[in-house]
Amino acid sequence: MESRLKLLTEDIDEFVAGPSTAAVAIVIKPGPFILLVKRVVREDDPWSGQIAFPGGRWNHEDRSIVETALRELEEETGLSREAVEVLGQMRSITPANMPTLKVRPVLCKLLTETNLRPGPEVQNVFWIPLHGLRKKVVKVRTRHAPYQRLTLAYIYDGLIIWGMTARLVDRLIDVV
């Protein structure tokens, strides 16, 4: 599996960390399982209540975008940087609701099982089986539009994974 995952880190686009950049940590463990979070519902969060990979904006104290991903991983899940091995960076992605933001996925392999604990921005942290996901068209209400829209999503145990996170899951499933 690890050699197939390395394919995701080849042929990546140029990326310069800065104020309009962010990173997500895509942590995988054998199964394969992926680590996801459910964000808390907050008025000031454009991804409020959504299922997502741990991540967030670059901070001027971060030495690199990988550092951003590992910092956010620890803050949001309690999983330390020592518990994962960085396999590489994936091609950047842009969320539909914030087209000026460039997000760099950082692919990681879990080295050590650890008790997960949600940080202040996270309601829940959990592992889901990558092969247990099923695609479905669902109705979602976006915060940046006053109406519901149909979108392709992944469903697992009542969770709806859509938007940028679903697009990243697509990349993973294609390779794994």
Foldseek 3Di string as FASTA:
>chain_A
DLVLVLVQQPPADDDDADQQEKEFEFEFEPVTKTKWFQFDADPPDQQHRAIAGQMDHDDPPQPGNVSRHQVSCCQAWVQHPVQKDFSHKGHWDAFPVGRSHIYIYTYIYGRDDDHTDGHPGTDDMDIDRLVQWDKDWDWDQGPVDRDIDTFIFIDDPRHTHDTPRRVVSVVVVVRD
